[in-house]
Amino acid sequence: MMMVRRTRNGARLCSALRRTVVLCCLLSPAYAAAANHYIRSGATGANNGSDWNNAWTTFPSAYVRGDTYYVAGGRYGSLTLSTPASGATYIVLRKATDSDHGTNTGWNSSYGTAQAVLNAPLRFDSPYWVFDGATGGGPGSWTSGYGFYVRSVASTSGLKSVSVTGTHHITIRHTDTCFEDAIGGTTLQDLDNFYLRSGCSYITISHCALRHCGRNSITMWENSYITVEYCYFTRNRECLSQHAQAWQDTGTDNLVIRHNLFDDIRGTGVIVVLAIGSSGVHSDYWEIYGNSFRRGTREYDGSDAIICVINDQVATGWKVYNNTFDSIYILGGRGTVFATNEAAASGGGHQVYNNLIYNVNYPLIAFNSADRTSVRDFNHYRSCTGTIPSEPHGTLGAGDPFTARTILDYRPTLTVGAGTTLASPYNTDGYGRIRGADGTWDCGACEFSSGEEPAPPPPPPVGVRLDF
C-alpha cells in the first residue's frame, strides 16, 4: 500500500490541484467528445446522417448541441440555424476534407475537394454555432480554396448572403460569399454580404470572402465584441440611389478589424460610421490594424475618407495601427483617416500610428477641430500627391515598396518607415512575422523580412470561453 505523506502545505496543494482540474474542465471545448453526423448531396443510402453512404442529402431541420456535422462538396439550398441554446454548448458545421472527415465509411476524396455551395440566405437565429469551411482565405489564398460558398442570385431587393439576427457567439470562417448577378451591375437595393442586426455579440468572421455585393460588404449596428480577420472584401457596387462602402456601422463597440484586404471598394468610403436613425450614437473602442486598402480599376474609390466617422456620429478610443493604403483616390478630399464632421463635443482619444500611405491623393489624417486628445504619429507617407500632415516622427519616401501588389501581395521589398513599438497583439503581421525583429518596426500591414517566411497563423480554437 502506498503511503501519502501529509505535509504542512498539503491542504493548500490539494486545493490548488482541485482549482486546476476545474479550470481545465471549464476551458475544454464545449463540443468535445460529441457525435459526428454526415451531410452529402447525392447520397443514396438511408438518409440518416450516420456515415457517408447514409448521409443526409440536405441539411437537417434539427441539430444536437455538442455535435459536429460534416458536409461534403455539392449543391445545397438556403439554411436557417435556430436550434435553441443549451448552456454554452456549440454546434459545429464543418466542410469535410481528406484530412478531417470523421468516419471513413463510404468516404471518397472527391467529397473533400469539391466545394459545398449553399444558396443565400444563411441565417443564424440562435447562439453558439461554428460554420467552418475548413480551407481557403487569408494571405496567399485571398481568392481561392474556400470550402463553403454562399451564392446569392437576387430576385428582390434586401437579400443578405449571411445574416446574424441579434444573437451571440457565432464563428463563420473559410466561407466565400458573392452576389453573382451584381458582378455586371444590378438595380436592386440593399444587397449585403454580411448583415449583423442590433444586439449581436461575440461574433467572429475569419478567412472569408465578401464579393460583389449590391451595397455594403458588411452592414451592422448596435453590436459589441465583433472580430473580422483575414477576410477579402472586393467590388461592392455604388449607384445614385444609395451610397455604399465595404463596411457600414452605427453604434457598435469593441470591434476588431485586422489583417484583411479591401480591394476595389467605392462609395462613401471603405470603413464608415454613419447615421441610421438618430445622430450622436457612439461607435467606441475599435481596433483597425494590419489591413491593406487597395485601389481597383474603377474611376474613384471614396467620396469622404477611407476610414471615416460622419453624420454627427461619435467614435472614442480607436486604435488605427500598421495599415497599408495603396493608391486610393479620395474624391471628396476629406482625408485618409477620419472625416472631420464627427459630432463636435464627444469622442476622441484615437491613436493613428505606423500606417503606410502610398500614392494617395489626399493623405490627410484629420480629427474633429474640438478633439484635443487624439494623436497621429510614426506614419510613413510615400509618393503621395496631396499635402502631407505634420507629425513629430512621420517619415517620407518614394517608389513602390511592395512585393507583388498586382496579385494582392503587400509584403514590402525593403524596410518601410520607422514605426513605434507596440505591444501584443499588434506586434505580429498577417503572415505571422514578428514586427521589429530586424531592428526596424516597419510601417504598413506587412513587416519586411529577408529570411524564410513563417506560415500564416491558423484560426484560433472555438468553444473555449475566455470572455468575461
Protein backbone atom coordinates (compact mmCIF):
# COMPACT_ATOMS: atom_id res chain seq x y z
CA MET A 1 0.00 0.00 0.00
CA MET A 2 1.43 3.35 -1.00
CA MET A 3 1.58 5.85 1.85
CA VAL A 4 0.87 9.51 1.16
CA ARG A 5 2.94 11.76 3.34
CA ARG A 6 0.96 14.72 4.58
CA THR A 7 2.96 17.94 4.51
CA ARG A 8 2.28 21.27 6.14
CA ASN A 9 1.25 22.64 2.74
CA GLY A 10 -0.71 19.54 1.69
CA ALA A 11 -4.13 21.06 2.13
CA ARG A 12 -3.09 24.11 0.14
CA LEU A 13 -1.63 21.89 -2.63
CA CYS A 14 -4.81 19.80 -2.84
CA SER A 15 -6.89 22.93 -3.07
CA ALA A 16 -4.69 24.25 -5.89
CA LEU A 17 -4.94 20.93 -7.74
CA ARG A 18 -8.71 20.97 -7.45
CA ARG A 19 -8.79 24.51 -8.86
CA THR A 20 -6.55 23.42 -11.74
CA VAL A 21 -8.80 20.47 -12.61
CA VAL A 22 -11.90 22.67 -12.52
CA LEU A 23 -10.21 25.31 -14.71
CA CYS A 24 -9.13 22.70 -17.26
CA CYS A 25 -12.70 21.44 -17.47
CA LEU A 26 -14.03 24.95 -17.95
CA LEU A 27 -11.54 25.67 -20.73
CA SER A 28 -12.25 22.47 -22.66
CA PRO A 29 -14.23 22.97 -25.88
CA ALA A 30 -17.94 22.64 -25.18
CA TYR A 31 -18.37 20.30 -28.13
CA ALA A 32 -15.55 17.85 -27.29
CA ALA A 33 -16.28 14.08 -27.23
CA ALA A 34 -19.56 14.56 -29.11
CA ALA A 35 -21.14 12.65 -32.01
CA ASN A 36 -20.44 13.17 -35.72
CA HIS A 37 -23.06 13.34 -38.46
CA TYR A 38 -22.76 13.50 -42.25
CA ILE A 39 -24.40 15.55 -45.00
CA ARG A 40 -23.83 14.76 -48.69
CA SER A 41 -25.83 15.96 -51.64
CA GLY A 42 -26.49 12.95 -53.87
CA ALA A 43 -26.18 10.26 -51.20
CA THR A 44 -28.45 7.23 -51.90
CA GLY A 45 -28.45 5.37 -48.57
CA ALA A 46 -30.75 5.53 -45.55
CA ASN A 47 -30.62 9.37 -45.36
CA ASN A 48 -29.99 9.28 -41.60
CA GLY A 49 -26.58 11.02 -41.36
CA SER A 50 -24.83 8.01 -39.82
CA ASP A 51 -21.94 7.80 -42.34
CA TRP A 52 -21.05 8.94 -45.86
CA ASN A 53 -23.11 6.19 -47.53
CA ASN A 54 -26.19 7.03 -45.48
CA ALA A 55 -25.64 10.78 -45.23
CA TRP A 56 -28.46 13.30 -45.19
CA THR A 57 -28.84 14.71 -48.68
CA THR A 58 -29.82 18.15 -47.32
CA PHE A 59 -29.11 19.99 -44.10
CA PRO A 60 -31.31 18.55 -41.33
CA SER A 61 -34.09 20.56 -39.71
CA ALA A 62 -32.91 19.78 -36.16
CA TYR A 63 -29.41 19.68 -34.63
CA VAL A 64 -27.92 18.24 -31.45
CA ARG A 65 -25.95 20.60 -29.23
CA GLY A 66 -22.32 19.49 -28.89
CA ASP A 67 -22.27 17.51 -32.16
CA THR A 68 -20.31 18.07 -35.38
CA TYR A 69 -21.96 17.91 -38.82
CA TYR A 70 -19.54 17.20 -41.68
CA VAL A 71 -20.58 18.48 -45.10
CA ALA A 72 -19.38 17.02 -48.42
CA GLY A 73 -18.95 19.04 -51.58
CA GLY A 74 -22.12 19.54 -53.59
CA ARG A 75 -25.13 21.85 -54.04
CA TYR A 76 -27.46 22.72 -51.17
CA GLY A 77 -30.31 25.12 -50.52
CA SER A 78 -30.58 28.03 -48.10
CA LEU A 79 -30.10 27.42 -44.39
CA THR A 80 -31.52 28.85 -41.15
CA LEU A 81 -29.82 27.79 -37.91
CA SER A 82 -32.12 28.26 -34.93
CA THR A 83 -31.61 25.34 -32.52
CA PRO A 84 -32.09 26.75 -29.00
CA ALA A 85 -29.02 27.16 -26.81
CA SER A 86 -28.06 24.64 -24.15
CA GLY A 87 -25.68 26.46 -21.87
CA ALA A 88 -22.56 27.38 -23.84
CA THR A 89 -22.51 24.23 -25.98
CA TYR A 90 -21.68 24.76 -29.65
CA ILE A 91 -22.93 23.04 -32.79
CA VAL A 92 -20.27 22.72 -35.50
CA LEU A 93 -20.94 22.55 -39.24
CA ARG A 94 -17.64 21.77 -40.95
CA LYS A 95 -16.69 21.20 -44.56
CA ALA A 96 -15.23 17.72 -44.86
CA THR A 97 -11.66 17.39 -46.13
CA ASP A 98 -9.43 14.39 -46.80
CA SER A 99 -7.62 15.02 -43.53
CA ASP A 100 -10.71 15.74 -41.42
CA HIS A 101 -13.96 13.98 -42.37
CA GLY A 102 -14.95 11.85 -39.39
CA THR A 103 -15.72 8.25 -40.35
CA ASN A 104 -14.07 6.56 -43.34
CA THR A 105 -17.21 4.53 -44.05
CA GLY A 106 -18.29 5.49 -47.56
CA TRP A 107 -15.72 8.28 -47.83
CA ASN A 108 -14.45 9.38 -51.25
CA SER A 109 -11.71 12.01 -51.57
CA SER A 110 -13.80 13.93 -54.12
CA TYR A 111 -16.21 14.83 -51.30
CA GLY A 112 -13.39 16.81 -49.72
CA THR A 113 -12.00 18.56 -52.80
CA ALA A 114 -15.36 19.75 -54.17
CA GLN A 115 -16.81 22.95 -52.74
CA ALA A 116 -20.03 22.89 -50.71
CA VAL A 117 -22.31 25.50 -52.31
CA LEU A 118 -25.31 26.95 -50.48
CA ASN A 119 -27.94 29.33 -51.75
CA ALA A 120 -28.42 32.55 -49.81
CA PRO A 121 -29.56 33.38 -47.27
CA LEU A 122 -27.58 31.70 -44.49
CA ARG A 123 -29.19 32.82 -41.22
CA PHE A 124 -28.11 32.47 -37.59
CA ASP A 125 -31.09 32.92 -35.26
CA SER A 126 -29.69 31.28 -32.11
CA PRO A 127 -26.29 31.38 -30.36
CA TYR A 128 -23.25 29.07 -30.24
CA TRP A 129 -22.61 27.97 -33.81
CA VAL A 130 -19.42 27.30 -35.76
CA PHE A 131 -19.76 27.36 -39.55
CA ASP A 132 -16.33 26.31 -40.82
CA GLY A 133 -15.37 25.83 -44.47
CA ALA A 134 -12.04 24.37 -43.26
CA THR A 135 -9.92 25.68 -46.17
CA GLY A 136 -9.22 28.85 -48.15
CA GLY A 137 -8.86 32.55 -47.43
CA GLY A 138 -6.23 34.74 -45.84
CA PRO A 139 -2.78 35.78 -47.12
CA GLY A 140 -1.81 33.76 -50.18
CA SER A 141 -5.36 32.42 -50.64
CA TRP A 142 -7.46 35.57 -50.78
CA THR A 143 -9.36 34.45 -53.88
CA SER A 144 -9.36 30.66 -53.76
CA GLY A 145 -9.82 27.44 -51.85
CA TYR A 146 -12.92 28.25 -49.79
CA GLY A 147 -14.67 25.12 -48.52
CA PHE A 148 -18.07 26.80 -48.22
CA TYR A 149 -19.61 29.12 -50.80
CA VAL A 150 -22.85 31.05 -50.15
CA ARG A 151 -24.09 32.21 -53.55
CA SER A 152 -26.66 34.94 -53.99
CA VAL A 153 -28.76 35.40 -57.11
CA ALA A 154 -31.02 38.24 -56.05
CA SER A 155 -34.54 38.49 -57.42
CA THR A 156 -35.70 41.16 -54.97
CA SER A 157 -34.09 43.99 -53.05
CA GLY A 158 -32.91 43.41 -49.49
CA LEU A 159 -31.29 39.98 -49.84
CA LYS A 160 -28.40 39.24 -47.45
CA SER A 161 -25.90 36.46 -48.08
CA VAL A 162 -25.31 35.86 -44.36
CA SER A 163 -27.33 37.38 -41.53
CA VAL A 164 -26.97 37.18 -37.76
CA THR A 165 -30.14 38.28 -36.04
CA GLY A 166 -29.37 39.71 -32.63
CA THR A 167 -27.68 36.62 -31.21
CA HIS A 168 -24.19 35.82 -29.90
CA HIS A 169 -21.17 33.51 -30.04
CA ILE A 170 -21.14 32.77 -33.76
CA THR A 171 -17.98 31.87 -35.70
CA ILE A 172 -18.01 31.86 -39.52
CA ARG A 173 -14.79 31.05 -41.35
CA HIS A 174 -13.36 29.86 -44.67
CA THR A 175 -16.57 30.89 -46.43
CA ASP A 176 -16.92 32.69 -49.78
CA THR A 177 -19.95 34.93 -50.34
CA CYS A 178 -20.86 36.55 -53.66
CA PHE A 179 -23.78 38.26 -55.38
CA GLU A 180 -23.35 36.64 -58.76
CA ASP A 181 -25.78 38.95 -60.56
CA ALA A 182 -24.11 42.06 -59.10
CA ILE A 183 -20.87 41.35 -60.99
CA GLY A 184 -22.27 43.07 -64.06
CA GLY A 185 -24.38 45.53 -62.07
CA THR A 186 -27.91 45.47 -60.69
CA THR A 187 -30.67 47.96 -59.98
CA LEU A 188 -31.75 46.03 -56.86
CA GLN A 189 -31.10 47.71 -53.50
CA ASP A 190 -29.67 46.79 -50.09
CA LEU A 191 -27.80 43.65 -51.12
CA ASP A 192 -25.21 42.96 -48.38
CA ASN A 193 -22.77 40.08 -47.88
CA PHE A 194 -22.99 40.08 -44.06
CA TYR A 195 -25.78 41.69 -42.09
CA LEU A 196 -25.48 41.87 -38.28
CA ARG A 197 -28.68 43.16 -36.75
CA SER A 198 -28.85 45.03 -33.45
CA GLY A 199 -27.80 43.07 -30.36
CA CYS A 200 -25.16 40.72 -31.79
CA SER A 201 -22.09 40.00 -29.66
CA TYR A 202 -19.02 37.78 -29.73
CA ILE A 203 -19.20 37.24 -33.48
CA THR A 204 -16.06 36.16 -35.40
CA ILE A 205 -15.81 36.29 -39.20
CA SER A 206 -12.47 34.82 -40.25
CA HIS A 207 -10.82 33.87 -43.58
CA CYS A 208 -13.93 34.74 -45.61
CA ALA A 209 -14.50 36.44 -48.97
CA LEU A 210 -17.10 39.18 -49.36
CA ARG A 211 -17.54 39.77 -53.10
CA HIS A 212 -19.70 41.80 -55.44
CA CYS A 213 -22.35 43.00 -53.02
CA GLY A 214 -25.02 45.36 -54.27
CA ARG A 215 -24.42 47.77 -51.38
CA ASN A 216 -22.22 47.00 -48.33
CA SER A 217 -19.94 44.06 -47.69
CA ILE A 218 -20.87 44.34 -44.01
CA THR A 219 -23.80 46.26 -42.54
CA MET A 220 -24.10 46.33 -38.74
CA TRP A 221 -25.41 48.48 -35.94
CA GLU A 222 -25.50 48.48 -32.14
CA ASN A 223 -23.45 45.33 -31.64
CA SER A 224 -20.44 44.55 -29.44
CA TYR A 225 -17.34 42.37 -29.40
CA ILE A 226 -17.12 41.65 -33.11
CA THR A 227 -13.92 40.37 -34.78
CA VAL A 228 -13.37 40.32 -38.55
CA GLU A 229 -9.96 38.99 -39.62
CA TYR A 230 -8.10 37.65 -42.68
CA CYS A 231 -11.05 38.45 -44.95
CA TYR A 232 -11.13 39.62 -48.58
CA PHE A 233 -13.50 42.47 -49.43
CA THR A 234 -13.88 43.29 -53.11
CA ARG A 235 -16.04 45.07 -55.72
CA ASN A 236 -19.06 46.47 -53.95
CA ARG A 237 -21.49 48.35 -56.16
CA GLU A 238 -22.39 52.00 -55.62
CA CYS A 239 -25.16 53.79 -57.52
CA LEU A 240 -27.00 57.11 -57.42
CA SER A 241 -29.96 55.74 -55.46
CA GLN A 242 -27.87 54.51 -52.49
CA HIS A 243 -24.39 55.12 -51.16
CA ALA A 244 -22.21 52.16 -50.35
CA GLN A 245 -19.00 51.10 -48.66
CA ALA A 246 -17.21 47.94 -47.58
CA TRP A 247 -18.31 48.48 -44.01
CA GLN A 248 -21.23 50.47 -42.60
CA ASP A 249 -21.82 50.79 -38.87
CA THR A 250 -23.77 52.78 -36.33
CA GLY A 251 -23.23 52.23 -32.61
CA THR A 252 -21.05 49.12 -32.43
CA ASP A 253 -18.38 49.00 -29.72
CA ASN A 254 -15.32 46.81 -29.09
CA LEU A 255 -14.79 45.92 -32.74
CA VAL A 256 -11.57 44.35 -34.12
CA ILE A 257 -10.80 44.65 -37.85
CA ARG A 258 -7.41 43.02 -38.53
CA HIS A 259 -5.31 41.53 -41.32
CA ASN A 260 -7.97 41.98 -44.01
CA LEU A 261 -7.61 43.04 -47.67
CA PHE A 262 -10.01 45.68 -49.02
CA ASP A 263 -9.84 45.72 -52.82
CA ASP A 264 -11.64 47.97 -55.32
CA ILE A 265 -14.19 49.46 -52.92
CA ARG A 266 -16.15 52.56 -53.93
CA GLY A 267 -18.78 54.85 -52.46
CA THR A 268 -18.74 56.93 -49.26
CA GLY A 269 -15.55 55.28 -48.04
CA VAL A 270 -14.22 51.87 -47.09
CA ILE A 271 -14.92 51.65 -43.33
CA VAL A 272 -17.65 54.15 -42.47
CA VAL A 273 -19.57 55.04 -39.33
CA LEU A 274 -22.71 56.95 -40.28
CA ALA A 275 -26.24 57.65 -39.13
CA ILE A 276 -29.02 55.07 -39.03
CA GLY A 277 -31.73 56.97 -37.19
CA SER A 278 -30.55 59.48 -34.59
CA SER A 279 -27.24 61.33 -34.62
CA GLY A 280 -24.63 61.27 -31.86
CA VAL A 281 -24.56 57.47 -31.49
CA HIS A 282 -21.25 56.06 -30.22
CA SER A 283 -19.06 53.51 -32.04
CA ASP A 284 -16.30 53.15 -29.45
CA TYR A 285 -13.07 51.22 -28.89
CA TRP A 286 -12.34 49.93 -32.36
CA GLU A 287 -9.03 48.32 -33.31
CA ILE A 288 -8.18 48.54 -37.01
CA TYR A 289 -4.73 47.06 -37.65
CA GLY A 290 -2.72 45.10 -40.18
CA ASN A 291 -5.17 45.71 -43.06
CA SER A 292 -4.41 46.60 -46.69
CA PHE A 293 -6.64 49.00 -48.63
CA ARG A 294 -6.11 48.77 -52.38
CA ARG A 295 -7.38 50.84 -55.26
CA GLY A 296 -9.04 48.85 -58.00
CA THR A 297 -9.77 49.68 -61.63
CA ARG A 298 -12.85 51.90 -61.26
CA GLU A 299 -12.91 55.67 -61.55
CA TYR A 300 -12.95 56.59 -57.85
CA ASP A 301 -12.80 54.93 -54.50
CA GLY A 302 -14.27 57.20 -51.83
CA SER A 303 -16.18 60.45 -51.53
CA ASP A 304 -15.41 61.05 -47.83
CA ALA A 305 -12.40 59.17 -46.45
CA ILE A 306 -11.02 55.65 -46.42
CA ILE A 307 -11.80 55.28 -42.70
CA CYS A 308 -14.31 57.89 -41.59
CA VAL A 309 -16.86 58.93 -39.00
CA ILE A 310 -19.60 61.14 -40.47
CA ASN A 311 -23.17 62.40 -40.00
CA ASP A 312 -22.54 63.63 -36.43
CA GLN A 313 -21.82 60.14 -35.16
CA VAL A 314 -19.28 59.65 -32.35
CA ALA A 315 -16.16 57.49 -32.02
CA THR A 316 -13.97 57.10 -28.94
CA GLY A 317 -10.67 55.35 -28.37
CA TRP A 318 -9.91 53.93 -31.81
CA LYS A 319 -6.53 52.29 -32.49
CA VAL A 320 -5.56 52.51 -36.17
CA TYR A 321 -2.18 50.76 -36.44
CA ASN A 322 0.03 49.40 -39.21
CA ASN A 323 -2.39 49.57 -42.14
CA THR A 324 -1.42 50.00 -45.80
CA PHE A 325 -3.30 52.43 -48.07
CA ASP A 326 -2.38 51.87 -51.72
CA SER A 327 -3.20 54.39 -54.48
CA ILE A 328 -6.73 55.16 -53.29
CA TYR A 329 -8.28 58.23 -54.89
CA ILE A 330 -10.40 60.25 -52.47
CA LEU A 331 -12.94 62.28 -54.40
CA GLY A 332 -14.26 64.47 -51.60
CA GLY A 333 -10.87 65.49 -50.24
CA ARG A 334 -11.59 64.78 -46.57
CA GLY A 335 -8.52 62.65 -45.92
CA THR A 336 -7.30 59.11 -45.41
CA VAL A 337 -8.47 58.52 -41.83
CA PHE A 338 -11.39 60.19 -40.00
CA ALA A 339 -13.54 62.71 -41.82
CA THR A 340 -13.95 65.84 -39.74
CA ASN A 341 -17.73 66.03 -39.33
CA GLU A 342 -17.78 63.72 -36.32
CA ALA A 343 -20.00 65.08 -33.51
CA ALA A 344 -18.08 68.03 -32.06
CA ALA A 345 -18.37 67.71 -28.30
CA SER A 346 -17.83 63.96 -27.96
CA GLY A 347 -15.38 61.27 -28.94
CA GLY A 348 -11.62 61.43 -29.28
CA GLY A 349 -8.73 59.55 -27.74
CA HIS A 350 -7.75 57.97 -31.09
CA GLN A 351 -4.23 56.72 -31.91
CA VAL A 352 -3.18 56.53 -35.57
CA TYR A 353 0.33 55.02 -35.72
CA ASN A 354 2.63 53.15 -38.12
CA ASN A 355 0.43 53.34 -41.21
CA LEU A 356 1.89 53.25 -44.74
CA ILE A 357 0.15 55.70 -47.08
CA TYR A 358 1.33 55.14 -50.64
CA ASN A 359 0.35 57.13 -53.74
CA VAL A 360 -2.78 58.62 -52.13
CA ASN A 361 -4.05 61.93 -53.48
CA TYR A 362 -5.28 63.26 -50.13
CA PRO A 363 -3.21 61.70 -47.32
CA LEU A 364 -4.57 63.86 -44.50
CA ILE A 365 -5.23 62.18 -41.15
CA ALA A 366 -7.73 64.56 -39.55
CA PHE A 367 -9.70 64.73 -36.32
CA ASN A 368 -12.57 66.93 -35.26
CA SER A 369 -11.47 70.50 -34.59
CA ALA A 370 -12.63 70.20 -30.97
CA ASP A 371 -10.65 66.98 -30.38
CA ARG A 372 -7.55 67.62 -28.24
CA THR A 373 -6.95 64.01 -27.20
CA SER A 374 -6.31 62.14 -30.47
CA VAL A 375 -2.84 61.74 -31.93
CA ARG A 376 -1.27 60.73 -35.25
CA ASP A 377 2.43 59.88 -35.45
CA PHE A 378 5.05 57.50 -36.87
CA ASN A 379 3.15 57.19 -40.16
CA HIS A 380 5.04 56.81 -43.45
CA TYR A 381 3.94 58.85 -46.49
CA ARG A 382 5.29 57.54 -49.78
CA SER A 383 4.80 59.06 -53.25
CA CYS A 384 1.67 60.93 -52.11
CA THR A 385 0.39 63.80 -54.22
CA GLY A 386 -1.52 65.81 -51.60
CA THR A 387 -0.43 67.78 -48.56
CA ILE A 388 1.42 65.64 -46.04
CA PRO A 389 0.19 66.18 -42.45
CA SER A 390 2.72 67.27 -39.87
CA GLU A 391 3.84 64.59 -37.39
CA PRO A 392 6.69 64.60 -34.85
CA HIS A 393 8.03 61.26 -36.11
CA GLY A 394 6.40 60.91 -39.53
CA THR A 395 8.61 59.80 -42.43
CA LEU A 396 8.64 60.24 -46.20
CA GLY A 397 9.65 58.04 -49.11
CA ALA A 398 9.10 57.38 -52.80
CA GLY A 399 8.58 54.38 -55.08
CA ASP A 400 6.56 51.18 -54.99
CA PRO A 401 7.70 49.20 -51.92
CA PHE A 402 5.58 46.08 -52.38
CA THR A 403 6.48 42.56 -53.44
CA ALA A 404 3.65 41.96 -55.92
CA ARG A 405 0.77 44.32 -55.29
CA THR A 406 -0.93 43.42 -58.59
CA ILE A 407 -1.52 39.91 -57.25
CA LEU A 408 -2.63 41.14 -53.81
CA ASP A 409 0.71 40.62 -52.06
CA TYR A 410 1.60 43.57 -49.83
CA ARG A 411 4.81 42.28 -48.31
CA PRO A 412 7.45 45.00 -48.72
CA THR A 413 10.74 44.56 -50.57
CA LEU A 414 12.58 46.84 -48.14
CA THR A 415 12.22 48.36 -44.71
CA VAL A 416 9.45 50.95 -44.82
CA GLY A 417 9.36 53.87 -42.41
CA ALA A 418 10.25 53.64 -38.75
CA GLY A 419 7.21 52.86 -36.69
CA THR A 420 6.89 52.90 -32.94
CA THR A 421 6.92 49.66 -30.95
CA LEU A 422 3.53 48.35 -29.88
CA ALA A 423 2.54 45.53 -27.56
CA SER A 424 0.89 42.21 -28.44
CA PRO A 425 -1.26 41.52 -30.46
CA TYR A 426 -0.13 44.38 -32.70
CA ASN A 427 3.46 43.07 -32.91
CA THR A 428 2.68 40.29 -35.42
CA ASP A 429 1.66 40.80 -39.06
CA GLY A 430 -0.79 38.72 -41.10
CA TYR A 431 1.99 36.36 -42.22
CA GLY A 432 2.99 35.61 -38.64
CA ARG A 433 6.18 37.70 -38.73
CA ILE A 434 7.26 39.46 -35.56
CA ARG A 435 7.42 43.19 -36.12
CA GLY A 436 10.74 44.86 -35.45
CA ALA A 437 12.66 41.57 -35.23
CA ASP A 438 15.33 43.00 -37.57
CA GLY A 439 15.64 46.20 -35.54
CA THR A 440 13.11 48.25 -37.54
CA TRP A 441 9.38 48.22 -36.93
CA ASP A 442 8.05 48.70 -40.46
CA CYS A 443 5.05 50.84 -41.24
CA GLY A 444 2.18 49.22 -43.12
CA ALA A 445 0.32 45.93 -42.95
CA CYS A 446 3.30 43.63 -43.54
CA GLU A 447 6.72 43.52 -41.92
CA PHE A 448 9.80 43.31 -44.16
CA SER A 449 11.70 40.04 -43.90
CA SER A 450 14.67 38.82 -45.92
CA GLY A 451 14.54 35.33 -44.43
CA GLU A 452 12.26 32.33 -44.59
CA GLU A 453 8.55 33.08 -44.36
CA PRO A 454 6.57 31.57 -41.49
CA ALA A 455 3.19 30.09 -42.31
CA PRO A 456 0.22 32.38 -41.66
CA PRO A 457 -1.28 31.70 -38.22
CA PRO A 458 -4.23 29.30 -38.11
CA PRO A 459 -7.63 30.46 -36.86
CA PRO A 460 -7.96 30.33 -33.05
CA PRO A 461 -9.87 27.45 -31.45
CA VAL A 462 -13.55 27.98 -30.71
CA GLY A 463 -15.73 26.63 -27.98
CA VAL A 464 -13.33 27.83 -25.26
CA ARG A 465 -14.99 30.66 -23.38
CA LEU A 466 -12.43 33.26 -22.34
CA ASP A 467 -14.68 36.32 -22.46
CA PHE A 468 -15.76 37.81 -19.16
